[in-house]
Amino acid sequence: MNPQEAGIGEGISEVIVTTKSAAGKPNAAPIGIISEITEQSERSYFVTLYKGSQTLANVLATGRLAANVTSDAVLFVETAFDDLPRECFTDFAGLPVLREANAWIIFTSELVEERQEYLRFQLRSAAVKIDQTEVKAINRGLNAVIEATVLATRLRIATEKRERQELRQELERCAAIVAKCGGTRENQALAILREKVF
């Protein structure tokens, strides 16, 4: 199996990345896995990890990460701001993964670029497991929750007043879409986001 079969398509696929520290403590965070087609028509995978994050520290320590494919809006928001309890994790190929995910891809990582704010790694799939094949129509509310989560994490580190105002406006637009199109889980996720950053 390859990452495409588990839902990682071309472009940026939003997943929950799980890692473990050198001491074995699990961590989860929403992160985009980048899939690009090379000049040789081969698919390559990358991830950008920001300095100061626990995910980056864990990947540097172990050289591995797991991409958890899920459409649970609440999990995206919870992992953006809080640590999950240990009972949310199980083990797959020696890494912690989320029990409730639909699929998992274990990647090994190779540092390919270092910038002032982030490091970029090329990823190679080492193991893939599909637990649930989910057939689900696109819900704009779920998409809006994912976008709002990304915006909220940026808001937490934004320092300029103008940038913070623009991010808040974008968050409100996303919230309106969730209110109109989202279901119960999407609205629960939005409520958590409002507590954290609105």
N, C-alpha and C. Protein backbone atom coordinates (compact mmCIF):
# COMPACT_ATOMS: atom_id res chain seq x y z
N MET A 1 0.83 -1.19 0.00
CA MET A 1 0.00 0.00 0.00
C MET A 1 0.88 1.25 0.00
N ASN A 2 0.36 2.31 -0.61
CA ASN A 2 1.08 3.57 -0.58
C ASN A 2 0.22 4.64 0.07
N PRO A 3 0.80 5.80 0.38
CA PRO A 3 0.04 6.85 1.07
C PRO A 3 -1.21 7.31 0.32
N GLN A 4 -1.21 7.23 -1.02
CA GLN A 4 -2.39 7.63 -1.77
C GLN A 4 -3.59 6.77 -1.42
N GLU A 5 -3.37 5.48 -1.25
CA GLU A 5 -4.46 4.57 -0.92
C GLU A 5 -5.06 4.88 0.45
N ALA A 6 -4.28 5.52 1.31
CA ALA A 6 -4.76 5.89 2.63
C ALA A 6 -5.32 7.31 2.68
N GLY A 7 -5.41 7.97 1.52
CA GLY A 7 -6.05 9.29 1.49
C GLY A 7 -5.13 10.47 1.33
N ILE A 8 -3.82 10.27 1.17
CA ILE A 8 -2.89 11.39 1.00
C ILE A 8 -2.80 11.69 -0.50
N GLY A 9 -3.47 12.73 -0.95
CA GLY A 9 -3.50 13.07 -2.35
C GLY A 9 -2.48 14.13 -2.71
N GLU A 10 -2.49 14.54 -3.97
CA GLU A 10 -1.58 15.57 -4.44
C GLU A 10 -1.95 16.91 -3.79
N GLY A 11 -0.96 17.74 -3.53
CA GLY A 11 -1.18 19.01 -2.85
C GLY A 11 -0.87 18.86 -1.37
N ILE A 12 -1.64 19.53 -0.53
CA ILE A 12 -1.44 19.44 0.92
C ILE A 12 -2.63 18.74 1.54
N SER A 13 -2.38 17.62 2.19
CA SER A 13 -3.42 16.86 2.88
C SER A 13 -3.31 17.14 4.38
N GLU A 14 -4.39 17.62 4.96
CA GLU A 14 -4.40 17.91 6.39
C GLU A 14 -4.65 16.63 7.16
N VAL A 15 -3.71 16.29 8.03
CA VAL A 15 -3.78 15.09 8.85
C VAL A 15 -3.42 15.47 10.28
N ILE A 16 -3.53 14.51 11.17
CA ILE A 16 -3.00 14.70 12.53
C ILE A 16 -1.74 13.86 12.61
N VAL A 17 -0.63 14.54 12.81
CA VAL A 17 0.66 13.87 12.90
C VAL A 17 0.90 13.45 14.34
N THR A 18 1.23 12.19 14.52
CA THR A 18 1.60 11.71 15.85
C THR A 18 3.07 11.31 15.84
N THR A 19 3.71 11.59 16.96
CA THR A 19 5.13 11.29 17.14
C THR A 19 5.32 10.84 18.57
N LYS A 20 6.54 10.41 18.87
CA LYS A 20 6.86 10.14 20.27
C LYS A 20 8.23 10.72 20.57
N SER A 21 8.39 11.12 21.80
CA SER A 21 9.67 11.66 22.24
C SER A 21 10.67 10.52 22.40
N ALA A 22 11.92 10.88 22.61
CA ALA A 22 12.95 9.87 22.86
C ALA A 22 12.59 9.04 24.08
N ALA A 23 11.85 9.64 25.04
CA ALA A 23 11.42 8.93 26.24
C ALA A 23 10.14 8.14 26.03
N GLY A 24 9.53 8.25 24.84
CA GLY A 24 8.34 7.46 24.53
C GLY A 24 7.02 8.15 24.74
N LYS A 25 7.01 9.46 25.07
CA LYS A 25 5.75 10.18 25.30
C LYS A 25 5.11 10.53 23.97
N PRO A 26 3.80 10.18 23.77
CA PRO A 26 3.15 10.48 22.50
C PRO A 26 2.75 11.95 22.39
N ASN A 27 2.69 12.43 21.15
CA ASN A 27 2.27 13.79 20.86
C ASN A 27 1.44 13.76 19.58
N ALA A 28 0.47 14.66 19.48
CA ALA A 28 -0.37 14.77 18.29
C ALA A 28 -0.56 16.23 17.94
N ALA A 29 -0.52 16.54 16.63
CA ALA A 29 -0.72 17.90 16.16
C ALA A 29 -1.22 17.89 14.72
N PRO A 30 -2.14 18.80 14.38
CA PRO A 30 -2.60 18.87 12.99
C PRO A 30 -1.53 19.50 12.11
N ILE A 31 -1.18 18.83 11.02
CA ILE A 31 -0.10 19.27 10.14
C ILE A 31 -0.44 18.84 8.72
N GLY A 32 0.01 19.62 7.76
CA GLY A 32 -0.20 19.28 6.36
C GLY A 32 0.93 18.43 5.81
N ILE A 33 0.58 17.34 5.14
CA ILE A 33 1.56 16.52 4.43
C ILE A 33 1.52 16.97 2.97
N ILE A 34 2.66 17.35 2.44
CA ILE A 34 2.76 17.90 1.10
C ILE A 34 3.14 16.79 0.13
N SER A 35 2.35 16.65 -0.93
CA SER A 35 2.62 15.65 -1.96
C SER A 35 2.88 16.37 -3.27
N GLU A 36 4.03 16.10 -3.88
CA GLU A 36 4.41 16.75 -5.13
C GLU A 36 4.82 15.70 -6.15
N ILE A 37 4.60 16.02 -7.41
CA ILE A 37 5.05 15.16 -8.50
C ILE A 37 6.38 15.73 -9.00
N THR A 38 7.41 14.90 -9.02
CA THR A 38 8.74 15.35 -9.45
C THR A 38 8.83 15.35 -10.98
N GLU A 39 9.94 15.87 -11.48
CA GLU A 39 10.17 15.90 -12.93
C GLU A 39 10.19 14.49 -13.52
N GLN A 40 10.52 13.51 -12.72
CA GLN A 40 10.54 12.11 -13.18
C GLN A 40 9.17 11.45 -13.05
N SER A 41 8.14 12.27 -12.81
CA SER A 41 6.76 11.80 -12.64
C SER A 41 6.59 10.86 -11.46
N GLU A 42 7.43 11.02 -10.45
CA GLU A 42 7.30 10.24 -9.22
C GLU A 42 6.69 11.14 -8.14
N ARG A 43 5.98 10.52 -7.22
CA ARG A 43 5.36 11.28 -6.13
C ARG A 43 6.31 11.34 -4.95
N SER A 44 6.50 12.55 -4.43
CA SER A 44 7.35 12.75 -3.26
C SER A 44 6.53 13.42 -2.17
N TYR A 45 6.86 13.11 -0.91
CA TYR A 45 6.13 13.64 0.23
C TYR A 45 7.08 14.46 1.10
N PHE A 46 6.53 15.56 1.64
CA PHE A 46 7.32 16.47 2.47
C PHE A 46 6.46 16.95 3.63
N VAL A 47 7.13 17.45 4.67
CA VAL A 47 6.44 18.11 5.77
C VAL A 47 7.30 19.27 6.25
N THR A 48 6.65 20.35 6.61
CA THR A 48 7.33 21.53 7.16
C THR A 48 6.99 21.60 8.64
N LEU A 49 8.02 21.57 9.49
CA LEU A 49 7.82 21.60 10.94
C LEU A 49 8.48 22.85 11.51
N TYR A 50 7.74 23.57 12.33
CA TYR A 50 8.22 24.85 12.84
C TYR A 50 9.05 24.66 14.10
N LYS A 51 10.07 25.50 14.20
CA LYS A 51 10.98 25.43 15.35
C LYS A 51 10.21 25.74 16.63
N GLY A 52 10.58 25.05 17.67
CA GLY A 52 9.92 25.22 18.97
C GLY A 52 8.76 24.27 19.18
N SER A 53 8.35 23.53 18.14
CA SER A 53 7.23 22.61 18.30
C SER A 53 7.70 21.26 18.86
N GLN A 54 6.83 20.61 19.59
CA GLN A 54 7.14 19.28 20.12
C GLN A 54 7.26 18.27 18.99
N THR A 55 6.45 18.46 17.95
CA THR A 55 6.53 17.55 16.80
C THR A 55 7.93 17.58 16.19
N LEU A 56 8.47 18.77 15.99
CA LEU A 56 9.82 18.88 15.43
C LEU A 56 10.85 18.22 16.35
N ALA A 57 10.76 18.49 17.63
CA ALA A 57 11.71 17.88 18.58
C ALA A 57 11.65 16.36 18.50
N ASN A 58 10.44 15.81 18.40
CA ASN A 58 10.28 14.36 18.35
C ASN A 58 10.80 13.77 17.04
N VAL A 59 10.55 14.45 15.93
CA VAL A 59 11.04 13.95 14.64
C VAL A 59 12.56 14.00 14.60
N LEU A 60 13.15 15.05 15.15
CA LEU A 60 14.61 15.12 15.20
C LEU A 60 15.18 14.00 16.07
N ALA A 61 14.44 13.64 17.13
CA ALA A 61 14.93 12.60 18.05
C ALA A 61 14.77 11.20 17.48
N THR A 62 13.68 10.96 16.73
CA THR A 62 13.38 9.59 16.29
C THR A 62 13.46 9.38 14.78
N GLY A 63 13.35 10.44 14.01
CA GLY A 63 13.39 10.33 12.55
C GLY A 63 12.12 9.79 11.93
N ARG A 64 11.02 9.71 12.72
CA ARG A 64 9.78 9.12 12.21
C ARG A 64 8.56 9.92 12.66
N LEU A 65 7.48 9.77 11.89
CA LEU A 65 6.19 10.35 12.27
C LEU A 65 5.09 9.51 11.65
N ALA A 66 3.90 9.64 12.21
CA ALA A 66 2.73 8.95 11.66
C ALA A 66 1.71 9.98 11.22
N ALA A 67 1.20 9.82 10.00
CA ALA A 67 0.11 10.66 9.51
C ALA A 67 -1.20 9.91 9.77
N ASN A 68 -2.06 10.51 10.59
CA ASN A 68 -3.34 9.91 10.94
C ASN A 68 -4.42 10.57 10.08
N VAL A 69 -5.10 9.79 9.25
CA VAL A 69 -6.13 10.32 8.37
C VAL A 69 -7.47 10.21 9.09
N THR A 70 -8.10 11.37 9.29
CA THR A 70 -9.38 11.42 9.98
C THR A 70 -10.17 12.62 9.48
N SER A 71 -11.49 12.54 9.61
CA SER A 71 -12.33 13.69 9.29
C SER A 71 -13.04 14.19 10.54
N ASP A 72 -12.52 13.86 11.71
CA ASP A 72 -13.11 14.29 12.97
C ASP A 72 -12.64 15.70 13.30
N ALA A 73 -13.54 16.67 13.14
CA ALA A 73 -13.20 18.08 13.35
C ALA A 73 -12.71 18.36 14.77
N VAL A 74 -13.31 17.70 15.74
CA VAL A 74 -12.93 17.94 17.14
C VAL A 74 -11.48 17.52 17.39
N LEU A 75 -11.08 16.39 16.82
CA LEU A 75 -9.69 15.94 16.99
C LEU A 75 -8.70 16.97 16.43
N PHE A 76 -9.03 17.58 15.29
CA PHE A 76 -8.13 18.60 14.73
C PHE A 76 -7.97 19.77 15.70
N VAL A 77 -9.06 20.23 16.26
CA VAL A 77 -8.99 21.38 17.17
C VAL A 77 -8.29 20.99 18.48
N GLU A 78 -8.67 19.86 19.06
CA GLU A 78 -8.06 19.46 20.33
C GLU A 78 -6.55 19.29 20.21
N THR A 79 -6.09 18.67 19.12
CA THR A 79 -4.66 18.43 18.99
C THR A 79 -3.89 19.70 18.65
N ALA A 80 -4.58 20.73 18.17
CA ALA A 80 -3.91 22.00 17.89
C ALA A 80 -3.55 22.75 19.17
N PHE A 81 -4.31 22.50 20.25
CA PHE A 81 -4.12 23.31 21.45
C PHE A 81 -3.80 22.53 22.72
N ASP A 82 -4.11 21.25 22.75
CA ASP A 82 -3.93 20.49 23.99
C ASP A 82 -3.30 19.13 23.71
N ASP A 83 -2.73 18.54 24.75
CA ASP A 83 -2.25 17.17 24.68
C ASP A 83 -3.42 16.22 24.86
N LEU A 84 -3.44 15.16 24.08
CA LEU A 84 -4.49 14.16 24.22
C LEU A 84 -4.11 13.17 25.33
N PRO A 85 -5.11 12.63 26.03
CA PRO A 85 -4.80 11.59 27.02
C PRO A 85 -4.27 10.34 26.33
N ARG A 86 -3.49 9.57 27.06
CA ARG A 86 -2.84 8.38 26.51
C ARG A 86 -3.83 7.37 25.93
N GLU A 87 -5.04 7.32 26.48
CA GLU A 87 -6.01 6.34 25.98
C GLU A 87 -6.50 6.65 24.57
N CYS A 88 -6.19 7.84 24.04
CA CYS A 88 -6.55 8.18 22.65
C CYS A 88 -5.61 7.53 21.64
N PHE A 89 -4.48 7.01 22.13
CA PHE A 89 -3.45 6.45 21.25
C PHE A 89 -3.43 4.93 21.30
N THR A 90 -2.98 4.35 20.22
CA THR A 90 -2.61 2.95 20.17
C THR A 90 -1.27 2.88 19.44
N ASP A 91 -0.73 1.70 19.25
CA ASP A 91 0.58 1.57 18.62
C ASP A 91 0.45 0.94 17.23
N PHE A 92 1.18 1.49 16.28
CA PHE A 92 1.27 0.90 14.95
C PHE A 92 2.71 1.05 14.47
N ALA A 93 3.34 -0.05 14.20
CA ALA A 93 4.73 -0.07 13.69
C ALA A 93 5.68 0.72 14.58
N GLY A 94 5.44 0.64 15.90
CA GLY A 94 6.35 1.28 16.85
C GLY A 94 6.12 2.75 17.09
N LEU A 95 5.03 3.31 16.57
CA LEU A 95 4.72 4.72 16.82
C LEU A 95 3.31 4.85 17.38
N PRO A 96 3.07 5.88 18.20
CA PRO A 96 1.71 6.12 18.65
C PRO A 96 0.86 6.64 17.50
N VAL A 97 -0.35 6.10 17.36
CA VAL A 97 -1.31 6.59 16.37
C VAL A 97 -2.65 6.78 17.08
N LEU A 98 -3.53 7.54 16.46
CA LEU A 98 -4.83 7.80 17.06
C LEU A 98 -5.77 6.61 16.84
N ARG A 99 -6.36 6.15 17.93
CA ARG A 99 -7.28 5.01 17.85
C ARG A 99 -8.41 5.25 16.85
N GLU A 100 -8.90 6.48 16.80
CA GLU A 100 -10.09 6.80 16.02
C GLU A 100 -9.81 7.17 14.57
N ALA A 101 -8.56 7.12 14.13
CA ALA A 101 -8.24 7.48 12.74
C ALA A 101 -8.74 6.41 11.78
N ASN A 102 -8.97 6.83 10.54
CA ASN A 102 -9.40 5.90 9.49
C ASN A 102 -8.23 5.16 8.88
N ALA A 103 -7.06 5.80 8.86
CA ALA A 103 -5.86 5.19 8.28
C ALA A 103 -4.63 5.83 8.90
N TRP A 104 -3.52 5.09 8.82
CA TRP A 104 -2.25 5.58 9.34
C TRP A 104 -1.15 5.33 8.33
N ILE A 105 -0.27 6.29 8.18
CA ILE A 105 0.91 6.12 7.34
C ILE A 105 2.12 6.44 8.20
N ILE A 106 3.02 5.49 8.34
CA ILE A 106 4.27 5.72 9.06
C ILE A 106 5.30 6.21 8.04
N PHE A 107 5.91 7.35 8.35
CA PHE A 107 6.94 7.92 7.47
C PHE A 107 8.27 7.98 8.20
N THR A 108 9.35 7.72 7.47
CA THR A 108 10.68 8.08 7.94
C THR A 108 10.98 9.45 7.34
N SER A 109 11.87 10.20 7.98
CA SER A 109 12.11 11.58 7.54
C SER A 109 13.59 11.84 7.28
N GLU A 110 13.82 12.72 6.32
CA GLU A 110 15.17 13.16 6.00
C GLU A 110 15.15 14.68 5.87
N LEU A 111 15.96 15.36 6.65
CA LEU A 111 16.02 16.82 6.60
C LEU A 111 16.55 17.26 5.24
N VAL A 112 15.77 18.14 4.55
CA VAL A 112 16.21 18.60 3.23
C VAL A 112 16.36 20.12 3.16
N GLU A 113 15.83 20.84 4.16
CA GLU A 113 15.93 22.30 4.14
C GLU A 113 15.78 22.85 5.55
N GLU A 114 16.60 23.83 5.87
CA GLU A 114 16.47 24.50 7.17
C GLU A 114 16.39 25.99 6.95
N ARG A 115 15.36 26.60 7.50
CA ARG A 115 15.17 28.05 7.44
C ARG A 115 15.15 28.59 8.86
N GLN A 116 15.05 29.89 8.97
CA GLN A 116 15.07 30.52 10.30
C GLN A 116 13.90 30.04 11.16
N GLU A 117 12.73 29.86 10.55
CA GLU A 117 11.53 29.52 11.33
C GLU A 117 11.16 28.04 11.29
N TYR A 118 11.64 27.30 10.29
CA TYR A 118 11.17 25.93 10.14
C TYR A 118 12.23 25.03 9.51
N LEU A 119 11.95 23.73 9.60
CA LEU A 119 12.73 22.71 8.90
C LEU A 119 11.79 21.95 7.99
N ARG A 120 12.28 21.58 6.82
CA ARG A 120 11.48 20.82 5.85
C ARG A 120 12.12 19.44 5.69
N PHE A 121 11.27 18.42 5.77
CA PHE A 121 11.73 17.04 5.68
C PHE A 121 11.10 16.36 4.48
N GLN A 122 11.87 15.52 3.81
CA GLN A 122 11.29 14.62 2.83
C GLN A 122 10.89 13.36 3.56
N LEU A 123 9.72 12.83 3.20
CA LEU A 123 9.16 11.68 3.88
C LEU A 123 9.14 10.47 2.96
N ARG A 124 9.37 9.31 3.56
CA ARG A 124 9.25 8.04 2.83
C ARG A 124 8.35 7.11 3.65
N SER A 125 7.36 6.57 2.99
CA SER A 125 6.42 5.72 3.73
C SER A 125 7.07 4.40 4.08
N ALA A 126 6.90 4.00 5.33
CA ALA A 126 7.47 2.74 5.83
C ALA A 126 6.38 1.71 6.09
N ALA A 127 5.16 2.17 6.39
CA ALA A 127 4.04 1.27 6.65
C ALA A 127 2.74 2.04 6.47
N VAL A 128 1.73 1.36 5.97
CA VAL A 128 0.41 1.96 5.77
C VAL A 128 -0.63 0.97 6.27
N LYS A 129 -1.62 1.49 7.01
CA LYS A 129 -2.73 0.64 7.45
C LYS A 129 -4.03 1.42 7.29
N ILE A 130 -4.98 0.81 6.63
CA ILE A 130 -6.30 1.42 6.49
C ILE A 130 -7.25 0.64 7.38
N ASP A 131 -7.81 1.33 8.38
CA ASP A 131 -8.69 0.69 9.34
C ASP A 131 -10.14 0.79 8.89
N GLN A 132 -10.52 1.96 8.36
CA GLN A 132 -11.89 2.18 7.93
C GLN A 132 -11.88 2.89 6.59
N THR A 133 -12.62 2.37 5.66
CA THR A 133 -12.80 3.10 4.41
C THR A 133 -14.07 3.92 4.58
N GLU A 134 -13.91 5.22 4.58
CA GLU A 134 -15.03 6.11 4.85
C GLU A 134 -15.52 6.73 3.56
N VAL A 135 -16.78 6.53 3.25
CA VAL A 135 -17.39 7.19 2.10
C VAL A 135 -18.21 8.34 2.66
N LYS A 136 -17.81 9.55 2.30
CA LYS A 136 -18.45 10.71 2.90
C LYS A 136 -18.44 11.85 1.90
N ALA A 137 -19.57 12.51 1.75
CA ALA A 137 -19.63 13.69 0.88
C ALA A 137 -18.88 14.84 1.54
N ILE A 138 -18.44 15.76 0.71
CA ILE A 138 -17.73 16.94 1.23
C ILE A 138 -18.69 17.80 2.04
N ASN A 139 -18.25 18.22 3.21
CA ASN A 139 -19.03 19.11 4.06
C ASN A 139 -18.24 20.40 4.24
N ARG A 140 -18.79 21.50 3.80
CA ARG A 140 -18.10 22.78 3.90
C ARG A 140 -17.83 23.16 5.35
N GLY A 141 -18.65 22.68 6.27
CA GLY A 141 -18.43 22.97 7.68
C GLY A 141 -17.15 22.36 8.19
N LEU A 142 -16.88 21.10 7.79
CA LEU A 142 -15.63 20.44 8.18
C LEU A 142 -14.44 21.19 7.60
N ASN A 143 -14.53 21.52 6.31
CA ASN A 143 -13.43 22.27 5.68
C ASN A 143 -13.19 23.60 6.38
N ALA A 144 -14.27 24.26 6.79
CA ALA A 144 -14.14 25.55 7.48
C ALA A 144 -13.49 25.37 8.86
N VAL A 145 -13.79 24.26 9.54
CA VAL A 145 -13.15 24.00 10.84
C VAL A 145 -11.65 23.82 10.66
N ILE A 146 -11.26 23.06 9.63
CA ILE A 146 -9.83 22.84 9.39
C ILE A 146 -9.14 24.17 9.10
N GLU A 147 -9.74 24.98 8.24
CA GLU A 147 -9.16 26.29 7.92
C GLU A 147 -9.11 27.18 9.16
N ALA A 148 -10.16 27.17 9.96
CA ALA A 148 -10.18 27.97 11.18
C ALA A 148 -9.10 27.52 12.16
N THR A 149 -8.84 26.22 12.22
CA THR A 149 -7.79 25.70 13.11
C THR A 149 -6.43 26.21 12.68
N VAL A 150 -6.17 26.18 11.37
CA VAL A 150 -4.91 26.72 10.85
C VAL A 150 -4.79 28.20 11.19
N LEU A 151 -5.86 28.95 10.96
CA LEU A 151 -5.84 30.39 11.26
C LEU A 151 -5.62 30.65 12.75
N ALA A 152 -6.25 29.84 13.59
CA ALA A 152 -6.13 30.02 15.03
C ALA A 152 -4.71 29.78 15.51
N THR A 153 -4.03 28.78 14.93
CA THR A 153 -2.64 28.54 15.34
C THR A 153 -1.75 29.70 14.90
N ARG A 154 -2.07 30.30 13.77
CA ARG A 154 -1.30 31.48 13.32
C ARG A 154 -1.59 32.69 14.20
N LEU A 155 -2.84 32.81 14.63
CA LEU A 155 -3.22 33.92 15.50
C LEU A 155 -2.45 33.89 16.81
N ARG A 156 -2.21 32.69 17.31
CA ARG A 156 -1.49 32.56 18.58
C ARG A 156 -0.06 33.09 18.52
N ILE A 157 0.53 33.11 17.32
CA ILE A 157 1.92 33.58 17.22
C ILE A 157 2.04 34.93 16.52
N ALA A 158 0.92 35.44 15.97
CA ALA A 158 0.95 36.74 15.29
C ALA A 158 1.19 37.86 16.28
N THR A 159 2.04 38.81 15.91
CA THR A 159 2.37 39.91 16.82
C THR A 159 1.86 41.27 16.32
N GLU A 160 1.69 41.42 15.02
CA GLU A 160 1.23 42.70 14.48
C GLU A 160 -0.28 42.84 14.61
N LYS A 161 -0.73 44.02 15.02
CA LYS A 161 -2.15 44.27 15.25
C LYS A 161 -2.97 44.04 13.98
N ARG A 162 -2.47 44.53 12.85
CA ARG A 162 -3.19 44.39 11.57
C ARG A 162 -3.35 42.91 11.20
N GLU A 163 -2.29 42.15 11.34
CA GLU A 163 -2.34 40.73 11.02
C GLU A 163 -3.34 40.01 11.92
N ARG A 164 -3.33 40.34 13.20
CA ARG A 164 -4.26 39.72 14.15
C ARG A 164 -5.71 40.03 13.78
N GLN A 165 -5.98 41.29 13.38
CA GLN A 165 -7.34 41.67 12.98
C GLN A 165 -7.79 40.89 11.73
N GLU A 166 -6.88 40.77 10.75
CA GLU A 166 -7.21 40.03 9.53
C GLU A 166 -7.49 38.56 9.83
N LEU A 167 -6.68 37.97 10.70
CA LEU A 167 -6.90 36.57 11.07
C LEU A 167 -8.23 36.39 11.78
N ARG A 168 -8.58 37.32 12.66
CA ARG A 168 -9.87 37.23 13.36
C ARG A 168 -11.04 37.35 12.38
N GLN A 169 -10.91 38.23 11.38
CA GLN A 169 -11.97 38.35 10.37
C GLN A 169 -12.13 37.05 9.60
N GLU A 170 -11.01 36.44 9.23
CA GLU A 170 -11.06 35.16 8.52
C GLU A 170 -11.69 34.08 9.39
N LEU A 171 -11.35 34.10 10.68
CA LEU A 171 -11.94 33.13 11.61
C LEU A 171 -13.46 33.29 11.67
N GLU A 172 -13.94 34.52 11.68
CA GLU A 172 -15.39 34.76 11.73
C GLU A 172 -16.07 34.27 10.46
N ARG A 173 -15.40 34.43 9.31
CA ARG A 173 -15.97 33.91 8.06
C ARG A 173 -16.09 32.38 8.13
N CYS A 174 -15.05 31.75 8.64
CA CYS A 174 -15.09 30.29 8.80
C CYS A 174 -16.19 29.88 9.76
N ALA A 175 -16.34 30.63 10.85
CA ALA A 175 -17.37 30.31 11.84
C ALA A 175 -18.76 30.38 11.23
N ALA A 176 -18.99 31.35 10.35
CA ALA A 176 -20.29 31.48 9.70
C ALA A 176 -20.57 30.28 8.82
N ILE A 177 -19.55 29.76 8.13
CA ILE A 177 -19.73 28.58 7.29
C ILE A 177 -20.03 27.36 8.15
N VAL A 178 -19.33 27.24 9.28
CA VAL A 178 -19.58 26.10 10.18
C VAL A 178 -21.02 26.16 10.69
N ALA A 179 -21.47 27.34 11.10
CA ALA A 179 -22.84 27.48 11.62
C ALA A 179 -23.87 27.11 10.56
N LYS A 180 -23.58 27.44 9.31
CA LYS A 180 -24.53 27.16 8.23
C LYS A 180 -24.48 25.71 7.76
N CYS A 181 -23.28 25.16 7.63
CA CYS A 181 -23.11 23.86 6.96
C CYS A 181 -22.69 22.71 7.86
N GLY A 182 -22.14 23.00 9.02
CA GLY A 182 -21.57 21.96 9.86
C GLY A 182 -22.60 21.14 10.61
N GLY A 183 -22.15 19.96 11.02
CA GLY A 183 -22.97 19.11 11.86
C GLY A 183 -22.58 19.26 13.33
N THR A 184 -22.95 18.30 14.14
CA THR A 184 -22.70 18.36 15.58
C THR A 184 -21.21 18.45 15.89
N ARG A 185 -20.39 17.56 15.30
CA ARG A 185 -18.95 17.55 15.62
C ARG A 185 -18.28 18.84 15.16
N GLU A 186 -18.66 19.35 14.01
CA GLU A 186 -18.07 20.59 13.52
C GLU A 186 -18.41 21.75 14.44
N ASN A 187 -19.65 21.78 14.93
CA ASN A 187 -20.03 22.86 15.85
C ASN A 187 -19.38 22.70 17.22
N GLN A 188 -19.17 21.45 17.66
CA GLN A 188 -18.41 21.24 18.90
C GLN A 188 -16.98 21.73 18.73
N ALA A 189 -16.39 21.44 17.58
CA ALA A 189 -15.02 21.89 17.32
C ALA A 189 -14.95 23.41 17.30
N LEU A 190 -15.92 24.05 16.69
CA LEU A 190 -15.94 25.52 16.65
C LEU A 190 -16.07 26.09 18.06
N ALA A 191 -16.86 25.46 18.91
CA ALA A 191 -17.01 25.93 20.30
C ALA A 191 -15.67 25.86 21.04
N ILE A 192 -14.91 24.80 20.81
CA ILE A 192 -13.59 24.68 21.43
C ILE A 192 -12.67 25.78 20.92
N LEU A 193 -12.71 26.02 19.60
CA LEU A 193 -11.88 27.08 19.03
C LEU A 193 -12.24 28.44 19.62
N ARG A 194 -13.51 28.69 19.78
CA ARG A 194 -13.93 29.98 20.36
C ARG A 194 -13.38 30.15 21.78
N GLU A 195 -13.39 29.08 22.56
CA GLU A 195 -12.83 29.16 23.91
C GLU A 195 -11.33 29.48 23.88
N LYS A 196 -10.65 28.92 22.88
CA LYS A 196 -9.20 29.06 22.83
C LYS A 196 -8.73 30.40 22.29
N VAL A 197 -9.40 30.89 21.22
CA VAL A 197 -8.82 32.06 20.54
C VAL A 197 -9.75 33.18 20.15
N PHE A 198 -11.04 32.95 20.03
CA PHE A 198 -11.92 34.02 19.54
C PHE A 198 -12.02 35.14 20.54
